């Protein structure tokens, strides 16, 4: 059975040690979130209200735990993600 690009990306995140993904699921990220759903509880998804909140949450998670975190946003909202830098 062929895996979707989202499922392949989710497995790549897992292989690289990502345990938490922060973001806002939407029409552009449905394949990724379906792939992440298949990997639960290995990878936890946390939905935020705004892209910058996802960036702050991932940064805080990484600082508090010493582990990597990922952020999932759609293309045109990437500028909102940079506000926490």
Protein backbone atom coordinates (compact mmCIF):
# COMPACT_ATOMS: atom_id res chain seq x y z
CA UNK A 1 0.00 0.00 0.00
CA UNK A 2 1.31 3.44 -0.92
CA UNK A 3 1.78 5.91 1.89
CA UNK A 4 0.85 9.56 1.47
CA UNK A 5 3.42 12.33 1.65
CA UNK A 6 1.96 13.33 5.01
CA UNK A 7 2.47 9.82 6.39
CA UNK A 8 6.06 9.79 5.11
CA UNK A 9 6.72 13.18 6.69
CA UNK A 10 5.24 12.00 10.01
CA UNK A 11 7.52 8.94 9.98
CA UNK A 12 10.51 11.17 9.18
CA UNK A 13 9.65 13.37 12.17
CA UNK A 14 9.52 10.28 14.38
CA UNK A 15 12.86 9.00 13.06
CA UNK A 16 14.42 12.36 13.92
CA UNK A 17 13.23 12.30 17.52
CA UNK A 18 10.21 14.59 17.31
CA UNK A 19 7.64 13.67 19.97
CA UNK A 20 5.40 16.76 19.84
CA UNK A 21 3.99 18.77 16.93
CA UNK A 22 2.36 22.13 17.61
CA UNK A 23 0.17 23.82 15.03
CA UNK A 24 -3.19 24.48 13.46
CA UNK A 25 -4.68 21.66 11.38
CA UNK A 26 -6.26 22.88 8.17
CA UNK A 27 -7.01 21.91 4.61
CA UNK A 28 -3.35 22.24 3.61
CA UNK A 29 -2.06 20.06 6.46
CA UNK A 30 -4.69 17.29 6.58
CA UNK A 31 -2.37 14.64 5.05
CA UNK A 32 0.30 15.39 7.67
CA UNK A 33 -2.17 15.24 10.55
CA UNK A 34 -3.58 11.95 9.24
CA UNK A 35 -0.03 10.57 9.20
CA UNK A 36 0.58 11.88 12.72
CA UNK A 37 -2.66 10.30 13.90
CA UNK A 38 -1.36 6.91 12.78
CA UNK A 39 1.72 7.40 14.98
CA UNK A 40 -0.06 8.33 18.21
CA UNK A 41 0.93 7.99 21.02
CA UNK A 42 4.54 8.14 19.73
CA UNK A 43 3.95 11.68 18.47
CA UNK A 44 1.53 14.02 20.22
CA UNK A 45 -0.21 16.83 18.35
CA UNK A 46 -1.13 20.01 20.20
CA UNK A 47 -3.48 22.46 18.50
CA UNK A 48 -2.86 26.15 19.07
CA UNK A 49 -5.03 29.14 18.34
CA UNK A 50 -2.47 31.11 16.34
CA UNK A 51 0.73 30.33 14.48
CA UNK A 52 2.84 32.51 16.77
CA UNK A 53 1.40 30.60 19.74
CA UNK A 54 2.60 27.38 18.12
CA UNK A 55 6.08 28.86 17.79
CA UNK A 56 6.14 30.01 21.42
CA UNK A 57 4.83 26.63 22.60
CA UNK A 58 7.41 24.66 20.62
CA UNK A 59 10.19 26.94 21.85
CA UNK A 60 9.03 26.59 25.46
CA UNK A 61 8.72 22.82 25.12
CA UNK A 62 12.24 22.55 23.71
CA UNK A 63 13.72 24.75 26.45
CA UNK A 64 11.87 22.94 29.25
CA UNK A 65 12.54 19.38 28.08
CA UNK A 66 15.74 19.69 26.06
CA UNK A 67 14.00 17.83 23.20
CA UNK A 68 13.11 18.97 19.72
CA UNK A 69 9.56 19.99 18.82
CA UNK A 70 8.00 20.69 15.44
CA UNK A 71 5.56 23.34 14.25
CA UNK A 72 3.07 22.78 11.44
CA UNK A 73 1.72 25.86 9.63
CA UNK A 74 0.54 26.49 6.12
CA UNK A 75 2.57 28.53 3.65
CA UNK A 76 1.23 32.05 3.88
CA UNK A 77 1.13 32.05 7.70
CA UNK A 78 4.85 31.44 8.17
CA UNK A 79 5.42 35.13 8.92
CA UNK A 80 3.24 34.79 12.02
CA UNK A 81 5.50 31.98 13.19
CA UNK A 82 8.57 34.23 13.23
CA UNK A 83 7.19 36.60 15.90
CA UNK A 84 8.58 34.53 18.78
CA UNK A 85 12.15 34.80 17.52
